Amino acid sequence: MVGLAIEAGRPIWSTHILHDPRVVVPQWLAERVRDEGHPSVIAVPLIARDRTYGALVLGAPEGHAFSDGEVTLLSAFADQAALALENSQAHGESERSRHEAEELTRVARVLTETLDAGEVARLHDRVLIGEGRDRGRVVERLELVFAQRRQHPEGDDQAVQLGSDPH
């Protein structure tokens, strides 16, 4: 039923899913339908802005014919659920983008603490290449290097090794 509703892009229902030739019901589901006594089924696709997120499925007692009012109400529920899923996904993407922007701001702040091109090149070679894509760790290592450089401005490379104790 779900596949039919998603494919059609509209609600699809059956008064008895176990006798509906459009649907192949797996044994485990057929047993559940019989045990629960809800073989009348409606599936309403969850669609928001041309993206399908799944389907809302409701079972009813045998022989129940879903009325226009029930289909309209279930469609409204499905529309709200799809919008909630979309908003949740958009919020997650927004949070990831915000986090990336914060990390890039931290990197920019750390990098602008020095105007020495050679220093930036050494940091690139030692930190950015060595850390790969773990930006949070890269920023922490950059901050450590700059803090150690401020403590040892004479450029004692032994004291400024990443992760080493400068004393």
Foldseek 3Di string as FASTA:
>chain_A
DQVVQVVVVAKDWDLAQVPDPVDDDDPVVVVVCVVVQFRTKMWGFQDDPRDTDTIDMDTHHHRDDQDPVNRVVRNVVSPVVSVVVVVVVVVVVVVVVVVVVVLVVLVVVLVVVDPDPVVVVVLCVQQVVVPDPPSVVSSVQSVLLVVQCVVVVVCPVVLRHGPDHND
